[in-house]
Amino acid sequence: MKTAKLVKRFRVDNPENFKLAKRDPSDTCDLNMEKDDAKVFLAQGTERLSELQERLYAQDRWAVLVIF
């Protein structure tokens, strides 16, 4: 699964209609990977998030809220 497709499932574009209780906490997005592969995937995502946050910080206009 591409990262963009994965992220889209968890993006909140309409906060008025968002209900956390409607989310399944056991949802794995059909990601069946070995632990080492998951660590690499997480490291890549963390690096990408860091790069994007740096851009937003430099613009001094927007922010990102990520809840784990």
N, C-alpha and C. Protein backbone atom coordinates (compact mmCIF):
# COMPACT_ATOMS: atom_id res chain seq x y z
N MET A 1 0.85 -1.18 0.00
CA MET A 1 0.00 0.00 0.00
C MET A 1 0.89 1.24 0.00
N LYS A 2 0.55 2.18 -0.83
CA LYS A 2 1.32 3.42 -0.88
C LYS A 2 1.04 4.24 0.38
N THR A 3 2.06 4.97 0.80
CA THR A 3 1.94 5.77 2.02
C THR A 3 0.82 6.79 1.90
N ALA A 4 0.69 7.43 0.74
CA ALA A 4 -0.35 8.45 0.55
C ALA A 4 -1.74 7.86 0.74
N LYS A 5 -1.94 6.66 0.22
CA LYS A 5 -3.24 6.00 0.36
C LYS A 5 -3.49 5.63 1.81
N LEU A 6 -2.47 5.19 2.49
CA LEU A 6 -2.57 4.83 3.90
C LEU A 6 -2.92 6.06 4.74
N VAL A 7 -2.23 7.15 4.50
CA VAL A 7 -2.44 8.38 5.27
C VAL A 7 -3.84 8.93 5.04
N LYS A 8 -4.34 8.83 3.82
CA LYS A 8 -5.66 9.38 3.49
C LYS A 8 -6.75 8.77 4.37
N ARG A 9 -6.59 7.51 4.74
CA ARG A 9 -7.59 6.85 5.58
C ARG A 9 -7.70 7.49 6.96
N PHE A 10 -6.65 8.15 7.40
CA PHE A 10 -6.62 8.70 8.75
C PHE A 10 -6.64 10.22 8.79
N ARG A 11 -6.73 10.83 7.65
CA ARG A 11 -6.76 12.29 7.58
C ARG A 11 -8.16 12.79 7.92
N VAL A 12 -8.23 13.83 8.72
CA VAL A 12 -9.51 14.43 9.12
C VAL A 12 -9.68 15.73 8.34
N ASP A 13 -10.51 15.68 7.31
CA ASP A 13 -10.76 16.87 6.49
C ASP A 13 -12.03 17.61 6.93
N ASN A 14 -12.90 16.92 7.60
CA ASN A 14 -14.15 17.54 8.04
C ASN A 14 -14.31 17.27 9.54
N PRO A 15 -13.68 18.09 10.38
CA PRO A 15 -13.68 17.82 11.82
C PRO A 15 -15.06 17.84 12.47
N GLU A 16 -16.01 18.52 11.85
CA GLU A 16 -17.35 18.58 12.44
C GLU A 16 -18.01 17.19 12.47
N ASN A 17 -17.66 16.35 11.49
CA ASN A 17 -18.27 15.03 11.40
C ASN A 17 -17.36 13.91 11.91
N PHE A 18 -16.20 14.26 12.44
CA PHE A 18 -15.25 13.24 12.90
C PHE A 18 -15.63 12.75 14.29
N LYS A 19 -15.69 11.43 14.42
CA LYS A 19 -15.96 10.79 15.71
C LYS A 19 -14.89 9.73 15.95
N LEU A 20 -14.05 9.93 16.94
CA LEU A 20 -13.00 8.98 17.25
C LEU A 20 -13.58 7.61 17.60
N ALA A 21 -14.74 7.60 18.22
CA ALA A 21 -15.37 6.34 18.62
C ALA A 21 -15.73 5.48 17.40
N LYS A 22 -15.84 6.06 16.24
CA LYS A 22 -16.15 5.30 15.02
C LYS A 22 -14.92 4.63 14.42
N ARG A 23 -13.75 4.93 14.94
CA ARG A 23 -12.51 4.34 14.44
C ARG A 23 -12.21 3.03 15.17
N ASP A 24 -11.80 2.04 14.41
CA ASP A 24 -11.45 0.74 14.98
C ASP A 24 -9.98 0.78 15.42
N PRO A 25 -9.70 0.68 16.71
CA PRO A 25 -8.32 0.77 17.18
C PRO A 25 -7.46 -0.43 16.76
N SER A 26 -8.08 -1.50 16.32
CA SER A 26 -7.30 -2.68 15.89
C SER A 26 -7.07 -2.71 14.39
N ASP A 27 -7.47 -1.65 13.69
CA ASP A 27 -7.30 -1.58 12.24
C ASP A 27 -5.81 -1.51 11.89
N THR A 28 -5.34 -2.46 11.11
CA THR A 28 -3.94 -2.47 10.68
C THR A 28 -3.79 -2.06 9.22
N CYS A 29 -4.87 -1.67 8.58
CA CYS A 29 -4.86 -1.26 7.17
C CYS A 29 -4.35 -2.39 6.28
N ASP A 30 -4.58 -3.60 6.70
CA ASP A 30 -4.12 -4.78 5.95
C ASP A 30 -2.61 -4.80 5.74
N LEU A 31 -1.88 -4.16 6.63
CA LEU A 31 -0.42 -4.20 6.56
C LEU A 31 0.06 -5.44 7.28
N ASN A 32 0.50 -6.39 6.53
CA ASN A 32 1.05 -7.62 7.09
C ASN A 32 2.52 -7.65 6.74
N MET A 33 3.34 -7.19 7.67
CA MET A 33 4.77 -7.15 7.40
C MET A 33 5.55 -7.63 8.61
N GLU A 34 6.76 -8.00 8.34
CA GLU A 34 7.65 -8.44 9.41
C GLU A 34 8.04 -7.24 10.27
N LYS A 35 8.45 -7.52 11.48
CA LYS A 35 8.80 -6.47 12.43
C LYS A 35 9.91 -5.56 11.90
N ASP A 36 10.93 -6.13 11.27
CA ASP A 36 12.03 -5.33 10.73
C ASP A 36 11.54 -4.41 9.60
N ASP A 37 10.64 -4.92 8.76
CA ASP A 37 10.07 -4.10 7.69
C ASP A 37 9.22 -2.97 8.26
N ALA A 38 8.49 -3.27 9.33
CA ALA A 38 7.66 -2.24 9.97
C ALA A 38 8.53 -1.14 10.57
N LYS A 39 9.69 -1.51 11.12
CA LYS A 39 10.60 -0.51 11.67
C LYS A 39 11.13 0.42 10.59
N VAL A 40 11.45 -0.14 9.43
CA VAL A 40 11.93 0.67 8.30
C VAL A 40 10.81 1.59 7.83
N PHE A 41 9.60 1.06 7.70
CA PHE A 41 8.43 1.84 7.28
C PHE A 41 8.19 3.00 8.23
N LEU A 42 8.26 2.72 9.53
CA LEU A 42 8.06 3.75 10.55
C LEU A 42 9.16 4.81 10.48
N ALA A 43 10.40 4.39 10.30
CA ALA A 43 11.52 5.34 10.21
C ALA A 43 11.37 6.26 9.01
N GLN A 44 10.95 5.70 7.88
CA GLN A 44 10.74 6.51 6.68
C GLN A 44 9.61 7.52 6.90
N GLY A 45 8.53 7.07 7.52
CA GLY A 45 7.41 7.96 7.79
C GLY A 45 7.78 9.06 8.77
N THR A 46 8.56 8.72 9.77
CA THR A 46 9.01 9.71 10.76
C THR A 46 9.89 10.76 10.10
N GLU A 47 10.77 10.32 9.23
CA GLU A 47 11.65 11.25 8.52
C GLU A 47 10.83 12.19 7.64
N ARG A 48 9.86 11.64 6.94
CA ARG A 48 9.00 12.46 6.06
C ARG A 48 8.21 13.47 6.88
N LEU A 49 7.65 13.03 7.99
CA LEU A 49 6.89 13.93 8.85
C LEU A 49 7.78 15.05 9.39
N SER A 50 9.00 14.72 9.74
CA SER A 50 9.95 15.72 10.23
C SER A 50 10.25 16.77 9.16
N GLU A 51 10.45 16.31 7.93
CA GLU A 51 10.72 17.24 6.83
C GLU A 51 9.54 18.18 6.60
N LEU A 52 8.34 17.63 6.61
CA LEU A 52 7.15 18.45 6.39
C LEU A 52 6.93 19.43 7.54
N GLN A 53 7.19 19.00 8.76
CA GLN A 53 7.04 19.89 9.91
C GLN A 53 8.05 21.04 9.84
N GLU A 54 9.26 20.76 9.39
CA GLU A 54 10.27 21.81 9.23
C GLU A 54 9.80 22.87 8.23
N ARG A 55 9.18 22.42 7.15
CA ARG A 55 8.64 23.38 6.17
C ARG A 55 7.57 24.26 6.79
N LEU A 56 6.66 23.64 7.53
CA LEU A 56 5.59 24.41 8.16
C LEU A 56 6.15 25.38 9.19
N TYR A 57 7.14 24.94 9.95
CA TYR A 57 7.76 25.81 10.95
C TYR A 57 8.42 27.01 10.27
N ALA A 58 9.07 26.76 9.16
CA ALA A 58 9.75 27.84 8.44
C ALA A 58 8.75 28.86 7.90
N GLN A 59 7.56 28.41 7.55
CA GLN A 59 6.54 29.32 7.03
C GLN A 59 5.86 30.11 8.15
N ASP A 60 5.96 29.60 9.38
CA ASP A 60 5.37 30.25 10.55
C ASP A 60 3.89 30.57 10.35
N ARG A 61 3.17 29.59 9.76
CA ARG A 61 1.77 29.83 9.47
C ARG A 61 0.86 28.68 9.89
N TRP A 62 1.29 27.45 9.69
CA TRP A 62 0.47 26.28 9.95
C TRP A 62 1.17 25.36 10.95
N ALA A 63 0.42 24.39 11.43
CA ALA A 63 0.99 23.41 12.35
C ALA A 63 0.39 22.03 12.03
N VAL A 64 1.00 21.01 12.59
CA VAL A 64 0.54 19.64 12.41
C VAL A 64 0.29 19.05 13.77
N LEU A 65 -0.84 18.38 13.92
CA LEU A 65 -1.13 17.65 15.14
C LEU A 65 -1.21 16.17 14.78
N VAL A 66 -0.35 15.38 15.37
CA VAL A 66 -0.33 13.95 15.12
C VAL A 66 -0.58 13.25 16.44
N ILE A 67 -1.56 12.38 16.46
CA ILE A 67 -1.93 11.66 17.67
C ILE A 67 -1.63 10.19 17.46
N PHE A 68 -0.80 9.65 18.33
CA PHE A 68 -0.47 8.22 18.25
C PHE A 68 -1.15 7.48 19.39
